[in-house]
């Protein structure tokens, strides 16, 4: 699935208990349509996104940036501290393509790095 939207906050890197790094960020996707009365209605969907491939994307993923993401969606539901039902959309990102709002960079794709064989000049950022 592909989605296009703007980052609602700067990306963050977190490290799991197993030592794997994940980049987390959120994206707002806007849509509009005409209702039965001919009026335009705007809708915004918010996605919490995760990117496991490389933490290097952290350098470019800044609030307000327009990105095209490829990946898959999952839905999660939980009860908050007050016992109220909550729900959210998660987007498990496999490819990130910056569209606007940042430096021009190559698309970040699913790549495997060989440890110790990568120099700073080899990195796309």
C-alpha atoms as a PDB file:
ATOM      1  CA  UNK A   1       0.000   0.000   0.000  1.00  0.00           C
ATOM      2  CA  UNK A   2       1.174   3.554  -0.679  1.00  0.00           C
ATOM      3  CA  UNK A   3       0.257   6.645   1.313  1.00  0.00           C
ATOM      4  CA  UNK A   4       1.302  10.249   0.844  1.00  0.00           C
ATOM      5  CA  UNK A   5       1.233  12.701   3.720  1.00  0.00           C
ATOM      6  CA  UNK A   6       3.110  15.148   5.924  1.00  0.00           C
ATOM      7  CA  UNK A   7       5.122  14.287   9.010  1.00  0.00           C
ATOM      8  CA  UNK A   8       3.385  15.581  12.132  1.00  0.00           C
ATOM      9  CA  UNK A   9       6.601  15.457  14.202  1.00  0.00           C
ATOM     10  CA  UNK A  10      10.303  14.810  13.775  1.00  0.00           C
ATOM     11  CA  UNK A  11      11.275  11.137  13.568  1.00  0.00           C
ATOM     12  CA  UNK A  12      12.802   9.385  16.587  1.00  0.00           C
ATOM     13  CA  UNK A  13      15.015   6.321  16.868  1.00  0.00           C
ATOM     14  CA  UNK A  14      14.286   3.762  19.557  1.00  0.00           C
ATOM     15  CA  UNK A  15      16.270   0.658  20.410  1.00  0.00           C
ATOM     16  CA  UNK A  16      14.487  -2.588  21.273  1.00  0.00           C
ATOM     17  CA  UNK A  17      15.515  -4.910  24.083  1.00  0.00           C
ATOM     18  CA  UNK A  18      17.268  -7.046  21.437  1.00  0.00           C
ATOM     19  CA  UNK A  19      19.340  -4.055  20.266  1.00  0.00           C
ATOM     20  CA  UNK A  20      17.490  -3.476  16.959  1.00  0.00           C
ATOM     21  CA  UNK A  21      16.822   0.128  16.036  1.00  0.00           C
ATOM     22  CA  UNK A  22      13.472   1.362  14.744  1.00  0.00           C
ATOM     23  CA  UNK A  23      12.622   4.812  13.428  1.00  0.00           C
ATOM     24  CA  UNK A  24       9.201   6.035  14.569  1.00  0.00           C
ATOM     25  CA  UNK A  25       7.302   8.968  13.086  1.00  0.00           C
ATOM     26  CA  UNK A  26       3.728   9.980  12.354  1.00  0.00           C
ATOM     27  CA  UNK A  27       2.086  11.106   9.123  1.00  0.00           C
ATOM     28  CA  UNK A  28      -1.146  12.990   8.421  1.00  0.00           C
ATOM     29  CA  UNK A  29      -2.911  11.996   5.191  1.00  0.00           C
ATOM     30  CA  UNK A  30      -5.479  14.481   3.895  1.00  0.00           C
ATOM     31  CA  UNK A  31      -8.450  13.624   1.695  1.00  0.00           C
ATOM     32  CA  UNK A  32     -11.400  15.654   0.469  1.00  0.00           C
ATOM     33  CA  UNK A  33     -14.660  14.852  -1.271  1.00  0.00           C
ATOM     34  CA  UNK A  34     -18.000  16.450  -2.138  1.00  0.00           C
ATOM     35  CA  UNK A  35     -20.955  15.421  -0.007  1.00  0.00           C
ATOM     36  CA  UNK A  36     -24.551  15.020  -1.245  1.00  0.00           C
ATOM     37  CA  UNK A  37     -25.133  18.776  -0.862  1.00  0.00           C
ATOM     38  CA  UNK A  38     -22.144  19.571  -3.093  1.00  0.00           C
ATOM     39  CA  UNK A  39     -20.011  20.863  -0.214  1.00  0.00           C
ATOM     40  CA  UNK A  40     -16.349  19.947   0.084  1.00  0.00           C
ATOM     41  CA  UNK A  41     -15.523  17.863   3.158  1.00  0.00           C
ATOM     42  CA  UNK A  42     -11.931  17.511   4.361  1.00  0.00           C
ATOM     43  CA  UNK A  43     -10.780  14.424   6.261  1.00  0.00           C
ATOM     44  CA  UNK A  44      -7.429  13.684   7.853  1.00  0.00           C
ATOM     45  CA  UNK A  45      -6.162  10.231   8.851  1.00  0.00           C
ATOM     46  CA  UNK A  46      -3.161   9.921  11.159  1.00  0.00           C
ATOM     47  CA  UNK A  47      -0.725   7.018  10.910  1.00  0.00           C
ATOM     48  CA  UNK A  48       1.959   6.043  13.419  1.00  0.00           C
ATOM     49  CA  UNK A  49       4.814   4.765  11.251  1.00  0.00           C
ATOM     50  CA  UNK A  50       7.786   2.494  11.889  1.00  0.00           C
ATOM     51  CA  UNK A  51      10.829   1.921   9.689  1.00  0.00           C
ATOM     52  CA  UNK A  52      13.217  -0.908  10.637  1.00  0.00           C
ATOM     53  CA  UNK A  53      15.676  -0.836   7.705  1.00  0.00           C
ATOM     54  CA  UNK A  54      18.171   1.856   8.761  1.00  0.00           C
ATOM     55  CA  UNK A  55      18.226   4.649  11.343  1.00  0.00           C
ATOM     56  CA  UNK A  56      19.922   6.964   8.792  1.00  0.00           C
ATOM     57  CA  UNK A  57      16.521   8.263   7.625  1.00  0.00           C
ATOM     58  CA  UNK A  58      16.295  10.121  10.930  1.00  0.00           C
ATOM     59  CA  UNK A  59      18.449  12.860   9.364  1.00  0.00           C
ATOM     60  CA  UNK A  60      15.812  13.737   6.753  1.00  0.00           C
ATOM     61  CA  UNK A  61      12.440  12.974   8.382  1.00  0.00           C
ATOM     62  CA  UNK A  62      11.423  16.352   9.823  1.00  0.00           C
ATOM     63  CA  UNK A  63       8.056  17.759  10.842  1.00  0.00           C
ATOM     64  CA  UNK A  64       6.085  19.135   7.866  1.00  0.00           C
ATOM     65  CA  UNK A  65       7.956  17.109   5.231  1.00  0.00           C
ATOM     66  CA  UNK A  66       5.814  15.561   2.484  1.00  0.00           C
ATOM     67  CA  UNK A  67       6.594  11.865   1.962  1.00  0.00           C
ATOM     68  CA  UNK A  68       5.317   8.920  -0.037  1.00  0.00           C
ATOM     69  CA  UNK A  69       5.438   5.694   1.959  1.00  0.00           C
ATOM     70  CA  UNK A  70       5.144   2.087   0.866  1.00  0.00           C
ATOM     71  CA  UNK A  71       4.288  -0.605   3.373  1.00  0.00           C
ATOM     72  CA  UNK A  72       1.389  -2.246   5.126  1.00  0.00           C
ATOM     73  CA  UNK A  73      -1.263  -0.995   7.545  1.00  0.00           C
ATOM     74  CA  UNK A  74      -2.331  -2.550  10.803  1.00  0.00           C
ATOM     75  CA  UNK A  75      -4.933  -1.415  13.317  1.00  0.00           C
ATOM     76  CA  UNK A  76      -4.434  -1.500  17.044  1.00  0.00           C
ATOM     77  CA  UNK A  77      -6.915  -1.057  19.858  1.00  0.00           C
ATOM     78  CA  UNK A  78      -6.362  -0.560  23.590  1.00  0.00           C
ATOM     79  CA  UNK A  79      -7.872   0.863  26.747  1.00  0.00           C
ATOM     80  CA  UNK A  80      -6.373   4.089  28.076  1.00  0.00           C
ATOM     81  CA  UNK A  81      -5.704   4.782  31.779  1.00  0.00           C
ATOM     82  CA  UNK A  82      -9.304   5.889  32.239  1.00  0.00           C
ATOM     83  CA  UNK A  83     -10.580   2.609  30.738  1.00  0.00           C
ATOM     84  CA  UNK A  84     -11.777   4.243  27.513  1.00  0.00           C
ATOM     85  CA  UNK A  85     -11.418   2.403  24.208  1.00  0.00           C
ATOM     86  CA  UNK A  86      -8.776   3.849  21.862  1.00  0.00           C
ATOM     87  CA  UNK A  87      -7.718   2.871  18.339  1.00  0.00           C
ATOM     88  CA  UNK A  88      -4.903   3.808  15.979  1.00  0.00           C
ATOM     89  CA  UNK A  89      -3.474   3.066  12.552  1.00  0.00           C
ATOM     90  CA  UNK A  90       0.084   1.763  12.268  1.00  0.00           C
ATOM     91  CA  UNK A  91       2.000   1.876   9.001  1.00  0.00           C
ATOM     92  CA  UNK A  92       4.882  -0.606   8.771  1.00  0.00           C
ATOM     93  CA  UNK A  93       7.048   1.251   6.252  1.00  0.00           C
ATOM     94  CA  UNK A  94       9.306  -0.550   3.782  1.00  0.00           C
ATOM     95  CA  UNK A  95      10.128   2.389   1.438  1.00  0.00           C
ATOM     96  CA  UNK A  96      10.290   6.140   2.063  1.00  0.00           C
ATOM     97  CA  UNK A  97      10.299   8.685  -0.746  1.00  0.00           C
ATOM     98  CA  UNK A  98      10.742  12.336   0.315  1.00  0.00           C
ATOM     99  CA  UNK A  99       8.608  14.591  -1.896  1.00  0.00           C
ATOM    100  CA  UNK A 100       9.045  18.084  -0.410  1.00  0.00           C
ATOM    101  CA  UNK A 101      10.125  19.936   2.672  1.00  0.00           C
ATOM    102  CA  UNK A 102      13.665  18.649   2.901  1.00  0.00           C
ATOM    103  CA  UNK A 103      16.902  18.117   1.037  1.00  0.00           C
ATOM    104  CA  UNK A 104      16.745  16.157  -2.204  1.00  0.00           C
ATOM    105  CA  UNK A 105      17.733  12.584  -1.432  1.00  0.00           C
ATOM    106  CA  UNK A 106      17.381   9.177  -2.995  1.00  0.00           C
ATOM    107  CA  UNK A 107      14.467   6.938  -2.113  1.00  0.00           C
ATOM    108  CA  UNK A 108      15.221   4.838   0.947  1.00  0.00           C
ATOM    109  CA  UNK A 109      14.551   1.206   0.128  1.00  0.00           C
ATOM    110  CA  UNK A 110      14.873  -2.176   1.759  1.00  0.00           C
ATOM    111  CA  UNK A 111      18.632  -2.712   1.686  1.00  0.00           C
ATOM    112  CA  UNK A 112      20.972  -4.870   3.693  1.00  0.00           C
ATOM    113  CA  UNK A 113      24.245  -3.377   4.887  1.00  0.00           C
ATOM    114  CA  UNK A 114      27.351  -5.494   5.281  1.00  0.00           C
ATOM    115  CA  UNK A 115      28.816  -4.501   8.635  1.00  0.00           C
ATOM    116  CA  UNK A 116      32.199  -2.825   8.355  1.00  0.00           C
ATOM    117  CA  UNK A 117      32.004  -2.406   4.556  1.00  0.00           C
ATOM    118  CA  UNK A 118      30.117   0.875   4.417  1.00  0.00           C
ATOM    119  CA  UNK A 119      31.827   4.246   4.290  1.00  0.00           C
ATOM    120  CA  UNK A 120      30.197   7.597   4.800  1.00  0.00           C
ATOM    121  CA  UNK A 121      30.358   8.224   1.037  1.00  0.00           C
ATOM    122  CA  UNK A 122      28.331   5.029   0.393  1.00  0.00           C
ATOM    123  CA  UNK A 123      25.345   6.236   2.418  1.00  0.00           C
ATOM    124  CA  UNK A 124      22.495   7.912   0.478  1.00  0.00           C
ATOM    125  CA  UNK A 125      22.144  10.710   3.102  1.00  0.00           C
END
